[in-house]
Amino acid sequence: MYRISRVLETSSVAIVKIAGQVTDFDMTGWSEFLKELEGEAGRWIVLDFCDVSRVDRKPSELLVRILPKHVLLLNCPTGIKNMADSGGLRGQVLEPTSDHRSCCVNSNPWKSSSSLKEVRREK
């Protein structure tokens, strides 16, 4: 059983938090959710897996197989990262920087000259 919550929505980005366990038994609902994401092509969608305890193989494979180009993955399990990398989708997986003072991610899926700005916390 898993839960999907939209935690932030603007005209350019939506952050969608996924919590719980996405199992092989949840394939119908998971498939419908992923198809709905295709319709939101006018902005970035960030799927945040920070509260996911488990994602079975079938839902992971489906996610990577039909992942729209405007959907980015954050805090995803290692299995999904590996599948995305093997499927040529590594640019859609957001990773925290190694600098502990930094609040940005290392990714530029559009490979344009624009880049994400780094924000540093003041101590």
PDB file of N, CA and C in Angstrom:
ATOM      1  N   MET A   1       0.849  -1.173   0.000  1.00  0.00           N
ATOM      2  CA  MET A   1       0.000   0.000   0.000  1.00  0.00           C
ATOM      3  C   MET A   1       0.890   1.230   0.000  1.00  0.00           C
ATOM      4  N   TYR A   2       0.566   2.169  -0.856  1.00  0.00           N
ATOM      5  CA  TYR A   2       1.337   3.401  -0.933  1.00  0.00           C
ATOM      6  C   TYR A   2       0.388   4.590  -0.984  1.00  0.00           C
ATOM      7  N   ARG A   3       0.951   5.761  -0.715  1.00  0.00           N
ATOM      8  CA  ARG A   3       0.169   6.991  -0.729  1.00  0.00           C
ATOM      9  C   ARG A   3       0.907   8.012  -1.587  1.00  0.00           C
ATOM     10  N   ILE A   4       0.171   8.783  -2.349  1.00  0.00           N
ATOM     11  CA  ILE A   4       0.734   9.816  -3.209  1.00  0.00           C
ATOM     12  C   ILE A   4       0.191  11.159  -2.735  1.00  0.00           C
ATOM     13  N   SER A   5       1.108  12.109  -2.475  1.00  0.00           N
ATOM     14  CA  SER A   5       0.714  13.445  -2.021  1.00  0.00           C
ATOM     15  C   SER A   5       1.434  14.498  -2.847  1.00  0.00           C
ATOM     16  N   ARG A   6       0.716  15.481  -3.287  1.00  0.00           N
ATOM     17  CA  ARG A   6       1.345  16.624  -3.965  1.00  0.00           C
ATOM     18  C   ARG A   6       1.733  17.607  -2.877  1.00  0.00           C
ATOM     19  N   VAL A   7       3.035  17.802  -2.708  1.00  0.00           N
ATOM     20  CA  VAL A   7       3.502  18.660  -1.630  1.00  0.00           C
ATOM     21  C   VAL A   7       3.823  20.076  -2.087  1.00  0.00           C
ATOM     22  N   LEU A   8       4.013  20.269  -3.386  1.00  0.00           N
ATOM     23  CA  LEU A   8       4.280  21.596  -3.929  1.00  0.00           C
ATOM     24  C   LEU A   8       3.810  21.629  -5.367  1.00  0.00           C
ATOM     25  N   GLU A   9       3.121  22.714  -5.722  1.00  0.00           N
ATOM     26  CA  GLU A   9       2.702  22.891  -7.113  1.00  0.00           C
ATOM     27  C   GLU A   9       2.871  24.342  -7.506  1.00  0.00           C
ATOM     28  N   THR A  10       3.564  24.560  -8.603  1.00  0.00           N
ATOM     29  CA  THR A  10       3.667  25.879  -9.209  1.00  0.00           C
ATOM     30  C   THR A  10       3.383  25.703 -10.697  1.00  0.00           C
ATOM     31  N   SER A  11       3.484  26.776 -11.435  1.00  0.00           N
ATOM     32  CA  SER A  11       3.245  26.661 -12.871  1.00  0.00           C
ATOM     33  C   SER A  11       4.380  25.928 -13.583  1.00  0.00           C
ATOM     34  N   SER A  12       5.556  25.849 -12.954  1.00  0.00           N
ATOM     35  CA  SER A  12       6.692  25.210 -13.619  1.00  0.00           C
ATOM     36  C   SER A  12       7.109  23.876 -13.026  1.00  0.00           C
ATOM     37  N   VAL A  13       6.667  23.554 -11.803  1.00  0.00           N
ATOM     38  CA  VAL A  13       7.083  22.298 -11.173  1.00  0.00           C
ATOM     39  C   VAL A  13       6.023  21.811 -10.193  1.00  0.00           C
ATOM     40  N   ALA A  14       5.956  20.500 -10.062  1.00  0.00           N
ATOM     41  CA  ALA A  14       5.125  19.872  -9.034  1.00  0.00           C
ATOM     42  C   ALA A  14       5.974  18.801  -8.366  1.00  0.00           C
ATOM     43  N   ILE A  15       5.986  18.809  -7.045  1.00  0.00           N
ATOM     44  CA  ILE A  15       6.692  17.769  -6.303  1.00  0.00           C
ATOM     45  C   ILE A  15       5.645  16.828  -5.746  1.00  0.00           C
ATOM     46  N   VAL A  16       5.797  15.561  -6.108  1.00  0.00           N
ATOM     47  CA  VAL A  16       4.847  14.528  -5.709  1.00  0.00           C
ATOM     48  C   VAL A  16       5.578  13.536  -4.809  1.00  0.00           C
ATOM     49  N   LYS A  17       5.117  13.426  -3.581  1.00  0.00           N
ATOM     50  CA  LYS A  17       5.745  12.550  -2.596  1.00  0.00           C
ATOM     51  C   LYS A  17       5.041  11.199  -2.601  1.00  0.00           C
ATOM     52  N   ILE A  18       5.847  10.150  -2.654  1.00  0.00           N
ATOM     53  CA  ILE A  18       5.319   8.790  -2.610  1.00  0.00           C
ATOM     54  C   ILE A  18       5.767   8.179  -1.292  1.00  0.00           C
ATOM     55  N   ALA A  19       4.836   7.569  -0.569  1.00  0.00           N
ATOM     56  CA  ALA A  19       5.145   6.990   0.736  1.00  0.00           C
ATOM     57  C   ALA A  19       4.597   5.568   0.816  1.00  0.00           C
ATOM     58  N   GLY A  20       5.278   4.726   1.575  1.00  0.00           N
ATOM     59  CA  GLY A  20       4.820   3.364   1.803  1.00  0.00           C
ATOM     60  C   GLY A  20       5.516   2.350   0.925  1.00  0.00           C
ATOM     61  N   GLN A  21       4.769   1.345   0.492  1.00  0.00           N
ATOM     62  CA  GLN A  21       5.305   0.252  -0.312  1.00  0.00           C
ATOM     63  C   GLN A  21       4.538   0.144  -1.626  1.00  0.00           C
ATOM     64  N   VAL A  22       5.278   0.113  -2.731  1.00  0.00           N
ATOM     65  CA  VAL A  22       4.668  -0.090  -4.042  1.00  0.00           C
ATOM     66  C   VAL A  22       4.979  -1.531  -4.427  1.00  0.00           C
ATOM     67  N   THR A  23       3.966  -2.380  -4.366  1.00  0.00           N
ATOM     68  CA  THR A  23       4.178  -3.810  -4.583  1.00  0.00           C
ATOM     69  C   THR A  23       3.618  -4.251  -5.930  1.00  0.00           C
ATOM     70  N   ASP A  24       3.934  -5.482  -6.279  1.00  0.00           N
ATOM     71  CA  ASP A  24       3.408  -6.061  -7.521  1.00  0.00           C
ATOM     72  C   ASP A  24       1.879  -6.106  -7.514  1.00  0.00           C
ATOM     73  N   PHE A  25       1.271  -6.134  -6.339  1.00  0.00           N
ATOM     74  CA  PHE A  25      -0.190  -6.180  -6.231  1.00  0.00           C
ATOM     75  C   PHE A  25      -0.835  -4.832  -6.536  1.00  0.00           C
ATOM     76  N   ASP A  26      -0.024  -3.769  -6.558  1.00  0.00           N
ATOM     77  CA  ASP A  26      -0.522  -2.418  -6.792  1.00  0.00           C
ATOM     78  C   ASP A  26      -0.367  -1.969  -8.248  1.00  0.00           C
ATOM     79  N   MET A  27      -0.121  -2.882  -9.158  1.00  0.00           N
ATOM     80  CA  MET A  27       0.222  -2.516 -10.533  1.00  0.00           C
ATOM     81  C   MET A  27      -0.862  -1.724 -11.258  1.00  0.00           C
ATOM     82  N   THR A  28      -2.118  -2.010 -11.034  1.00  0.00           N
ATOM     83  CA  THR A  28      -3.191  -1.302 -11.737  1.00  0.00           C
ATOM     84  C   THR A  28      -3.191   0.182 -11.358  1.00  0.00           C
ATOM     85  N   GLY A  29      -3.207   0.468 -10.070  1.00  0.00           N
ATOM     86  CA  GLY A  29      -3.195   1.853  -9.612  1.00  0.00           C
ATOM     87  C   GLY A  29      -1.911   2.570  -9.968  1.00  0.00           C
ATOM     88  N   TRP A  30      -0.777   1.874  -9.859  1.00  0.00           N
ATOM     89  CA  TRP A  30       0.525   2.449 -10.195  1.00  0.00           C
ATOM     90  C   TRP A  30       0.579   2.819 -11.676  1.00  0.00           C
ATOM     91  N   SER A  31       0.082   1.935 -12.520  1.00  0.00           N
ATOM     92  CA  SER A  31       0.052   2.181 -13.958  1.00  0.00           C
ATOM     93  C   SER A  31      -0.812   3.404 -14.285  1.00  0.00           C
ATOM     94  N   GLU A  32      -1.961   3.513 -13.659  1.00  0.00           N
ATOM     95  CA  GLU A  32      -2.853   4.654 -13.882  1.00  0.00           C
ATOM     96  C   GLU A  32      -2.190   5.955 -13.439  1.00  0.00           C
ATOM     97  N   PHE A  33      -1.513   5.925 -12.296  1.00  0.00           N
ATOM     98  CA  PHE A  33      -0.807   7.110 -11.801  1.00  0.00           C
ATOM     99  C   PHE A  33       0.258   7.559 -12.792  1.00  0.00           C
ATOM    100  N   LEU A  34       1.049   6.621 -13.296  1.00  0.00           N
ATOM    101  CA  LEU A  34       2.116   6.965 -14.237  1.00  0.00           C
ATOM    102  C   LEU A  34       1.558   7.516 -15.546  1.00  0.00           C
ATOM    103  N   LYS A  35       0.422   6.976 -16.001  1.00  0.00           N
ATOM    104  CA  LYS A  35      -0.205   7.495 -17.226  1.00  0.00           C
ATOM    105  C   LYS A  35      -0.716   8.916 -17.031  1.00  0.00           C
ATOM    106  N   GLU A  36      -1.196   9.228 -15.821  1.00  0.00           N
ATOM    107  CA  GLU A  36      -1.659  10.580 -15.527  1.00  0.00           C
ATOM    108  C   GLU A  36      -0.514  11.587 -15.619  1.00  0.00           C
ATOM    109  N   LEU A  37       0.691  11.164 -15.267  1.00  0.00           N
ATOM    110  CA  LEU A  37       1.847  12.058 -15.319  1.00  0.00           C
ATOM    111  C   LEU A  37       2.153  12.513 -16.743  1.00  0.00           C
ATOM    112  N   GLU A  38       1.859  11.665 -17.715  1.00  0.00           N
ATOM    113  CA  GLU A  38       2.104  12.025 -19.118  1.00  0.00           C
ATOM    114  C   GLU A  38       1.314  13.260 -19.519  1.00  0.00           C
ATOM    115  N   GLY A  39       0.145  13.457 -18.921  1.00  0.00           N
ATOM    116  CA  GLY A  39      -0.713  14.586 -19.254  1.00  0.00           C
ATOM    117  C   GLY A  39      -0.249  15.912 -18.672  1.00  0.00           C
ATOM    118  N   GLU A  40       0.752  15.886 -17.816  1.00  0.00           N
ATOM    119  CA  GLU A  40       1.240  17.111 -17.186  1.00  0.00           C
ATOM    120  C   GLU A  40       2.537  17.578 -17.832  1.00  0.00           C
ATOM    121  N   ALA A  41       2.617  17.516 -19.135  1.00  0.00           N
ATOM    122  CA  ALA A  41       3.858  17.782 -19.867  1.00  0.00           C
ATOM    123  C   ALA A  41       4.280  19.246 -19.862  1.00  0.00           C
ATOM    124  N   GLY A  42       3.479  20.165 -19.404  1.00  0.00           N
ATOM    125  CA  GLY A  42       3.832  21.574 -19.417  1.00  0.00           C
ATOM    126  C   GLY A  42       4.737  22.014 -18.287  1.00  0.00           C
ATOM    127  N   ARG A  43       5.101  21.112 -17.378  1.00  0.00           N
ATOM    128  CA  ARG A  43       5.966  21.473 -16.254  1.00  0.00           C
ATOM    129  C   ARG A  43       6.740  20.254 -15.766  1.00  0.00           C
ATOM    130  N   TRP A  44       7.764  20.509 -14.972  1.00  0.00           N
ATOM    131  CA  TRP A  44       8.536  19.426 -14.370  1.00  0.00           C
ATOM    132  C   TRP A  44       7.712  18.748 -13.290  1.00  0.00           C
ATOM    133  N   ILE A  45       7.800  17.446 -13.220  1.00  0.00           N
ATOM    134  CA  ILE A  45       7.195  16.682 -12.134  1.00  0.00           C
ATOM    135  C   ILE A  45       8.349  15.963 -11.437  1.00  0.00           C
ATOM    136  N   VAL A  46       8.469  16.164 -10.131  1.00  0.00           N
ATOM    137  CA  VAL A  46       9.505  15.501  -9.348  1.00  0.00           C
ATOM    138  C   VAL A  46       8.827  14.467  -8.470  1.00  0.00           C
ATOM    139  N   LEU A  47       9.147  13.194  -8.686  1.00  0.00           N
ATOM    140  CA  LEU A  47       8.632  12.121  -7.837  1.00  0.00           C
ATOM    141  C   LEU A  47       9.633  11.913  -6.713  1.00  0.00           C
ATOM    142  N   ASP A  48       9.227  12.212  -5.491  1.00  0.00           N
ATOM    143  CA  ASP A  48      10.096  12.093  -4.325  1.00  0.00           C
ATOM    144  C   ASP A  48       9.771  10.800  -3.582  1.00  0.00           C
ATOM    145  N   PHE A  49      10.737   9.894  -3.578  1.00  0.00           N
ATOM    146  CA  PHE A  49      10.570   8.582  -2.953  1.00  0.00           C
ATOM    147  C   PHE A  49      11.104   8.547  -1.520  1.00  0.00           C
ATOM    148  N   CYS A  50      11.223   9.706  -0.848  1.00  0.00           N
ATOM    149  CA  CYS A  50      11.893   9.765   0.455  1.00  0.00           C
ATOM    150  C   CYS A  50      11.212   8.914   1.527  1.00  0.00           C
ATOM    151  N   ASP A  51       9.923   8.696   1.449  1.00  0.00           N
ATOM    152  CA  ASP A  51       9.217   7.911   2.465  1.00  0.00           C
ATOM    153  C   ASP A  51       8.781   6.536   1.954  1.00  0.00           C
ATOM    154  N   VAL A  52       9.438   6.058   0.905  1.00  0.00           N
ATOM    155  CA  VAL A  52       9.116   4.736   0.362  1.00  0.00           C
ATOM    156  C   VAL A  52       9.996   3.697   1.056  1.00  0.00           C
ATOM    157  N   SER A  53       9.371   2.661   1.560  1.00  0.00           N
ATOM    158  CA  SER A  53      10.137   1.599   2.216  1.00  0.00           C
ATOM    159  C   SER A  53      10.443   0.447   1.263  1.00  0.00           C
ATOM    160  N   ARG A  54       9.676   0.343   0.168  1.00  0.00           N
ATOM    161  CA  ARG A  54       9.892  -0.762  -0.768  1.00  0.00           C
ATOM    162  C   ARG A  54       9.194  -0.478  -2.086  1.00  0.00           C
ATOM    163  N   VAL A  55       9.880  -0.819  -3.187  1.00  0.00           N
ATOM    164  CA  VAL A  55       9.262  -0.799  -4.513  1.00  0.00           C
ATOM    165  C   VAL A  55       9.643  -2.129  -5.166  1.00  0.00           C
ATOM    166  N   ASP A  56       8.636  -2.949  -5.467  1.00  0.00           N
ATOM    167  CA  ASP A  56       8.894  -4.249  -6.085  1.00  0.00           C
ATOM    168  C   ASP A  56       9.392  -4.087  -7.517  1.00  0.00           C
ATOM    169  N   ARG A  57       9.841  -5.173  -8.083  1.00  0.00           N
ATOM    170  CA  ARG A  57      10.467  -5.156  -9.405  1.00  0.00           C
ATOM    171  C   ARG A  57       9.516  -4.715 -10.530  1.00  0.00           C
ATOM    172  N   LYS A  58       8.298  -5.256 -10.558  1.00  0.00           N
ATOM    173  CA  LYS A  58       7.366  -4.919 -11.647  1.00  0.00           C
ATOM    174  C   LYS A  58       7.014  -3.427 -11.673  1.00  0.00           C
ATOM    175  N   PRO A  59       6.674  -2.810 -10.531  1.00  0.00           N
ATOM    176  CA  PRO A  59       6.408  -1.370 -10.573  1.00  0.00           C
ATOM    177  C   PRO A  59       7.648  -0.551 -10.956  1.00  0.00           C
ATOM    178  N   SER A  60       8.812  -0.995 -10.522  1.00  0.00           N
ATOM    179  CA  SER A  60      10.057  -0.305 -10.882  1.00  0.00           C
ATOM    180  C   SER A  60      10.292  -0.377 -12.385  1.00  0.00           C
ATOM    181  N   GLU A  61      10.125  -1.555 -12.953  1.00  0.00           N
ATOM    182  CA  GLU A  61      10.322  -1.730 -14.398  1.00  0.00           C
ATOM    183  C   GLU A  61       9.341  -0.890 -15.200  1.00  0.00           C
ATOM    184  N   LEU A  62       8.077  -0.849 -14.755  1.00  0.00           N
ATOM    185  CA  LEU A  62       7.071  -0.049 -15.444  1.00  0.00           C
ATOM    186  C   LEU A  62       7.430   1.433 -15.373  1.00  0.00           C
ATOM    187  N   LEU A  63       7.844   1.896 -14.216  1.00  0.00           N
ATOM    188  CA  LEU A  63       8.228   3.297 -14.054  1.00  0.00           C
ATOM    189  C   LEU A  63       9.330   3.670 -15.035  1.00  0.00           C
ATOM    190  N   VAL A  64      10.371   2.877 -15.086  1.00  0.00           N
ATOM    191  CA  VAL A  64      11.508   3.182 -15.961  1.00  0.00           C
ATOM    192  C   VAL A  64      11.130   3.040 -17.439  1.00  0.00           C
ATOM    193  N   ARG A  65      10.285   2.090 -17.755  1.00  0.00           N
ATOM    194  CA  ARG A  65       9.904   1.852 -19.154  1.00  0.00           C
ATOM    195  C   ARG A  65       9.081   2.998 -19.736  1.00  0.00           C
ATOM    196  N   ILE A  66       8.188   3.597 -18.937  1.00  0.00           N
ATOM    197  CA  ILE A  66       7.290   4.623 -19.487  1.00  0.00           C
ATOM    198  C   ILE A  66       7.540   6.009 -18.897  1.00  0.00           C
ATOM    199  N   LEU A  67       8.685   6.238 -18.246  1.00  0.00           N
ATOM    200  CA  LEU A  67       8.976   7.511 -17.598  1.00  0.00           C
ATOM    201  C   LEU A  67       8.989   8.654 -18.617  1.00  0.00           C
ATOM    202  N   PRO A  68       8.043   9.596 -18.499  1.00  0.00           N
ATOM    203  CA  PRO A  68       8.037  10.737 -19.406  1.00  0.00           C
ATOM    204  C   PRO A  68       9.277  11.615 -19.185  1.00  0.00           C
ATOM    205  N   LYS A  69       9.706  12.335 -20.211  1.00  0.00           N
ATOM    206  CA  LYS A  69      10.919  13.149 -20.148  1.00  0.00           C
ATOM    207  C   LYS A  69      10.825  14.301 -19.153  1.00  0.00           C
ATOM    208  N   HIS A  70       9.632  14.729 -18.822  1.00  0.00           N
ATOM    209  CA  HIS A  70       9.464  15.843 -17.888  1.00  0.00           C
ATOM    210  C   HIS A  70       9.331  15.388 -16.435  1.00  0.00           C
ATOM    211  N   VAL A  71       9.507  14.093 -16.174  1.00  0.00           N
ATOM    212  CA  VAL A  71       9.411  13.558 -14.820  1.00  0.00           C
ATOM    213  C   VAL A  71      10.809  13.222 -14.314  1.00  0.00           C
ATOM    214  N   LEU A  72      11.133  13.761 -13.143  1.00  0.00           N
ATOM    215  CA  LEU A  72      12.427  13.534 -12.510  1.00  0.00           C
ATOM    216  C   LEU A  72      12.222  12.705 -11.250  1.00  0.00           C
ATOM    217  N   LEU A  73      13.220  11.912 -10.897  1.00  0.00           N
ATOM    218  CA  LEU A  73      13.136  11.035  -9.733  1.00  0.00           C
ATOM    219  C   LEU A  73      14.076  11.535  -8.649  1.00  0.00           C
ATOM    220  N   LEU A  74      13.586  11.606  -7.429  1.00  0.00           N
ATOM    221  CA  LEU A  74      14.361  12.092  -6.290  1.00  0.00           C
ATOM    222  C   LEU A  74      14.283  11.075  -5.157  1.00  0.00           C
ATOM    223  N   ASN A  75      15.406  10.823  -4.515  1.00  0.00           N
ATOM    224  CA  ASN A  75      15.476   9.886  -3.382  1.00  0.00           C
ATOM    225  C   ASN A  75      14.959   8.499  -3.740  1.00  0.00           C
ATOM    226  N   CYS A  76      15.205   8.068  -4.970  1.00  0.00           N
ATOM    227  CA  CYS A  76      14.655   6.775  -5.382  1.00  0.00           C
ATOM    228  C   CYS A  76      15.539   5.628  -4.907  1.00  0.00           C
ATOM    229  N   PRO A  77      14.935   4.469  -4.709  1.00  0.00           N
ATOM    230  CA  PRO A  77      15.681   3.291  -4.274  1.00  0.00           C
ATOM    231  C   PRO A  77      16.765   2.908  -5.284  1.00  0.00           C
ATOM    232  N   THR A  78      17.776   2.217  -4.794  1.00  0.00           N
ATOM    233  CA  THR A  78      18.914   1.821  -5.624  1.00  0.00           C
ATOM    234  C   THR A  78      18.484   1.020  -6.843  1.00  0.00           C
ATOM    235  N   GLY A  79      17.518   0.134  -6.675  1.00  0.00           N
ATOM    236  CA  GLY A  79      17.046  -0.680  -7.803  1.00  0.00           C
ATOM    237  C   GLY A  79      16.517   0.175  -8.947  1.00  0.00           C
ATOM    238  N   ILE A  80      15.763   1.207  -8.624  1.00  0.00           N
ATOM    239  CA  ILE A  80      15.234   2.103  -9.650  1.00  0.00           C
ATOM    240  C   ILE A  80      16.366   2.905 -10.283  1.00  0.00           C
ATOM    241  N   LYS A  81      17.311   3.377  -9.462  1.00  0.00           N
ATOM    242  CA  LYS A  81      18.469   4.101 -10.009  1.00  0.00           C
ATOM    243  C   LYS A  81      19.217   3.239 -11.009  1.00  0.00           C
ATOM    244  N   ASN A  82      19.444   1.979 -10.649  1.00  0.00           N
ATOM    245  CA  ASN A  82      20.170   1.074 -11.546  1.00  0.00           C
ATOM    246  C   ASN A  82      19.401   0.822 -12.837  1.00  0.00           C
ATOM    247  N   MET A  83      18.089   0.628 -12.737  1.00  0.00           N
ATOM    248  CA  MET A  83      17.273   0.415 -13.935  1.00  0.00           C
ATOM    249  C   MET A  83      17.263   1.656 -14.822  1.00  0.00           C
ATOM    250  N   ALA A  84      17.159   2.829 -14.196  1.00  0.00           N
ATOM    251  CA  ALA A  84      17.163   4.082 -14.961  1.00  0.00           C
ATOM    252  C   ALA A  84      18.496   4.263 -15.675  1.00  0.00           C
ATOM    253  N   ASP A  85      19.575   3.954 -14.992  1.00  0.00           N
ATOM    254  CA  ASP A  85      20.901   4.066 -15.594  1.00  0.00           C
ATOM    255  C   ASP A  85      21.035   3.114 -16.774  1.00  0.00           C
ATOM    256  N   SER A  86      20.590   1.882 -16.603  1.00  0.00           N
ATOM    257  CA  SER A  86      20.648   0.889 -17.685  1.00  0.00           C
ATOM    258  C   SER A  86      19.760   1.281 -18.859  1.00  0.00           C
ATOM    259  N   GLY A  87      18.661   1.972 -18.582  1.00  0.00           N
ATOM    260  CA  GLY A  87      17.727   2.383 -19.630  1.00  0.00           C
ATOM    261  C   GLY A  87      18.073   3.727 -20.261  1.00  0.00           C
ATOM    262  N   GLY A  88      19.220   4.295 -19.906  1.00  0.00           N
ATOM    263  CA  GLY A  88      19.632   5.567 -20.486  1.00  0.00           C
ATOM    264  C   GLY A  88      18.907   6.774 -19.904  1.00  0.00           C
ATOM    265  N   LEU A  89      18.346   6.633 -18.711  1.00  0.00           N
ATOM    266  CA  LEU A  89      17.569   7.710 -18.096  1.00  0.00           C
ATOM    267  C   LEU A  89      18.265   8.335 -16.894  1.00  0.00           C
ATOM    268  N   ARG A  90      19.550   8.163 -16.792  1.00  0.00           N
ATOM    269  CA  ARG A  90      20.297   8.652 -15.634  1.00  0.00           C
ATOM    270  C   ARG A  90      20.125  10.160 -15.444  1.00  0.00           C
ATOM    271  N   GLY A  91      19.939  10.894 -16.512  1.00  0.00           N
ATOM    272  CA  GLY A  91      19.744  12.334 -16.420  1.00  0.00           C
ATOM    273  C   GLY A  91      18.455  12.738 -15.734  1.00  0.00           C
ATOM    274  N   GLN A  92      17.534  11.809 -15.554  1.00  0.00           N
ATOM    275  CA  GLN A  92      16.269  12.114 -14.893  1.00  0.00           C
ATOM    276  C   GLN A  92      16.284  11.727 -13.417  1.00  0.00           C
ATOM    277  N   VAL A  93      17.421  11.244 -12.933  1.00  0.00           N
ATOM    278  CA  VAL A  93      17.548  10.881 -11.524  1.00  0.00           C
ATOM    279  C   VAL A  93      18.315  11.987 -10.820  1.00  0.00           C
ATOM    280  N   LEU A  94      17.655  12.661  -9.894  1.00  0.00           N
ATOM    281  CA  LEU A  94      18.284  13.743  -9.143  1.00  0.00           C
ATOM    282  C   LEU A  94      19.068  13.156  -7.979  1.00  0.00           C
ATOM    283  N   GLU A  95      20.248  13.691  -7.747  1.00  0.00           N
ATOM    284  CA  GLU A  95      21.115  13.216  -6.670  1.00  0.00           C
ATOM    285  C   GLU A  95      21.525  14.402  -5.818  1.00  0.00           C
ATOM    286  N   PRO A  96      21.556  14.239  -4.500  1.00  0.00           N
ATOM    287  CA  PRO A  96      22.076  15.321  -3.660  1.00  0.00           C
ATOM    288  C   PRO A  96      23.568  15.513  -3.935  1.00  0.00           C
ATOM    289  N   THR A  97      24.058  16.725  -3.746  1.00  0.00           N
ATOM    290  CA  THR A  97      25.481  16.971  -3.928  1.00  0.00           C
ATOM    291  C   THR A  97      26.237  16.380  -2.744  1.00  0.00           C
ATOM    292  N   SER A  98      27.534  16.219  -2.891  1.00  0.00           N
ATOM    293  CA  SER A  98      28.337  15.652  -1.807  1.00  0.00           C
ATOM    294  C   SER A  98      28.675  16.692  -0.752  1.00  0.00           C
ATOM    295  N   ASP A  99      28.482  17.958  -1.035  1.00  0.00           N
ATOM    296  CA  ASP A  99      28.752  19.037  -0.096  1.00  0.00           C
ATOM    297  C   ASP A  99      27.583  19.126   0.878  1.00  0.00           C
ATOM    298  N   HIS A 100      27.816  18.877   2.148  1.00  0.00           N
ATOM    299  CA  HIS A 100      26.750  18.837   3.146  1.00  0.00           C
ATOM    300  C   HIS A 100      26.120  20.206   3.402  1.00  0.00           C
ATOM    301  N   ARG A 101      26.782  21.282   2.994  1.00  0.00           N
ATOM    302  CA  ARG A 101      26.225  22.613   3.183  1.00  0.00           C
ATOM    303  C   ARG A 101      25.334  23.010   2.021  1.00  0.00           C
ATOM    304  N   SER A 102      25.276  22.197   1.016  1.00  0.00           N
ATOM    305  CA  SER A 102      24.572  22.549  -0.202  1.00  0.00           C
ATOM    306  C   SER A 102      23.138  22.045  -0.181  1.00  0.00           C
ATOM    307  N   CYS A 103      22.261  22.781  -0.837  1.00  0.00           N
ATOM    308  CA  CYS A 103      20.845  22.409  -0.890  1.00  0.00           C
ATOM    309  C   CYS A 103      20.379  22.116  -2.306  1.00  0.00           C
ATOM    310  N   CYS A 104      21.286  21.934  -3.237  1.00  0.00           N
ATOM    311  CA  CYS A 104      20.842  21.728  -4.613  1.00  0.00           C
ATOM    312  C   CYS A 104      21.104  20.292  -5.043  1.00  0.00           C
ATOM    313  N   VAL A 105      20.728  19.983  -6.246  1.00  0.00           N
ATOM    314  CA  VAL A 105      20.926  18.657  -6.804  1.00  0.00           C
ATOM    315  C   VAL A 105      21.788  18.763  -8.049  1.00  0.00           C
ATOM    316  N   ASN A 106      22.460  17.675  -8.375  1.00  0.00           N
ATOM    317  CA  ASN A 106      23.291  17.631  -9.576  1.00  0.00           C
ATOM    318  C   ASN A 106      22.495  16.996 -10.702  1.00  0.00           C
ATOM    319  N   SER A 107      21.925  17.802 -11.553  1.00  0.00           N
ATOM    320  CA  SER A 107      21.224  17.266 -12.706  1.00  0.00           C
ATOM    321  C   SER A 107      20.895  18.393 -13.662  1.00  0.00           C
ATOM    322  N   ASN A 108      20.910  18.084 -14.929  1.00  0.00           N
ATOM    323  CA  ASN A 108      20.454  19.000 -15.963  1.00  0.00           C
ATOM    324  C   ASN A 108      19.901  18.149 -17.090  1.00  0.00           C
ATOM    325  N   PRO A 109      18.689  17.607 -16.906  1.00  0.00           N
ATOM    326  CA  PRO A 109      18.143  16.666 -17.882  1.00  0.00           C
ATOM    327  C   PRO A 109      17.943  17.242 -19.272  1.00  0.00           C
ATOM    328  N   TRP A 110      17.818  18.561 -19.415  1.00  0.00           N
ATOM    329  CA  TRP A 110      17.633  19.137 -20.743  1.00  0.00           C
ATOM    330  C   TRP A 110      18.959  19.424 -21.407  1.00  0.00           C
ATOM    331  N   LYS A 111      20.047  19.304 -20.674  1.00  0.00           N
ATOM    332  CA  LYS A 111      21.400  19.514 -21.183  1.00  0.00           C
ATOM    333  C   LYS A 111      21.526  20.840 -21.923  1.00  0.00           C
ATOM    334  N   SER A 112      20.912  21.854 -21.363  1.00  0.00           N
ATOM    335  CA  SER A 112      21.007  23.183 -21.969  1.00  0.00           C
ATOM    336  C   SER A 112      22.087  23.977 -21.249  1.00  0.00           C
ATOM    337  N   SER A 113      22.284  25.210 -21.653  1.00  0.00           N
ATOM    338  CA  SER A 113      23.295  26.036 -21.021  1.00  0.00           C
ATOM    339  C   SER A 113      22.847  26.536 -19.656  1.00  0.00           C
ATOM    340  N   SER A 114      21.548  26.429 -19.374  1.00  0.00           N
ATOM    341  CA  SER A 114      21.083  26.855 -18.059  1.00  0.00           C
ATOM    342  C   SER A 114      21.422  25.786 -17.040  1.00  0.00           C
ATOM    343  N   SER A 115      21.609  26.213 -15.820  1.00  0.00           N
ATOM    344  CA  SER A 115      21.936  25.251 -14.773  1.00  0.00           C
ATOM    345  C   SER A 115      21.164  25.578 -13.512  1.00  0.00           C
ATOM    346  N   LEU A 116      21.067  24.593 -12.641  1.00  0.00           N
ATOM    347  CA  LEU A 116      20.417  24.807 -11.365  1.00  0.00           C
ATOM    348  C   LEU A 116      21.346  25.633 -10.486  1.00  0.00           C
ATOM    349  N   LYS A 117      20.800  26.599  -9.807  1.00  0.00           N
ATOM    350  CA  LYS A 117      21.623  27.437  -8.946  1.00  0.00           C
ATOM    351  C   LYS A 117      21.832  26.753  -7.598  1.00  0.00           C
ATOM    352  N   GLU A 118      23.019  26.904  -7.087  1.00  0.00           N
ATOM    353  CA  GLU A 118      23.350  26.320  -5.793  1.00  0.00           C
ATOM    354  C   GLU A 118      23.010  27.313  -4.692  1.00  0.00           C
ATOM    355  N   VAL A 119      22.343  26.839  -3.688  1.00  0.00           N
ATOM    356  CA  VAL A 119      21.975  27.661  -2.552  1.00  0.00           C
ATOM    357  C   VAL A 119      22.704  27.113  -1.337  1.00  0.00           C
ATOM    358  N   ARG A 120      23.396  27.946  -0.630  1.00  0.00           N
ATOM    359  CA  ARG A 120      24.140  27.509   0.553  1.00  0.00           C
ATOM    360  C   ARG A 120      23.445  28.013   1.811  1.00  0.00           C
ATOM    361  N   ARG A 121      23.386  27.141   2.816  1.00  0.00           N
ATOM    362  CA  ARG A 121      22.829  27.517   4.103  1.00  0.00           C
ATOM    363  C   ARG A 121      23.865  28.322   4.875  1.00  0.00           C
ATOM    364  N   GLU A 122      23.416  29.360   5.521  1.00  0.00           N
ATOM    365  CA  GLU A 122      24.286  30.156   6.375  1.00  0.00           C
ATOM    366  C   GLU A 122      24.309  29.538   7.757  1.00  0.00           C
ATOM    367  N   LYS A 123      25.501  29.485   8.341  1.00  0.00           N
ATOM    368  CA  LYS A 123      25.626  28.934   9.708  1.00  0.00           C
ATOM    369  C   LYS A 123      25.681  30.040  10.717  1.00  0.00           C
TER     370      LYS A 123
END
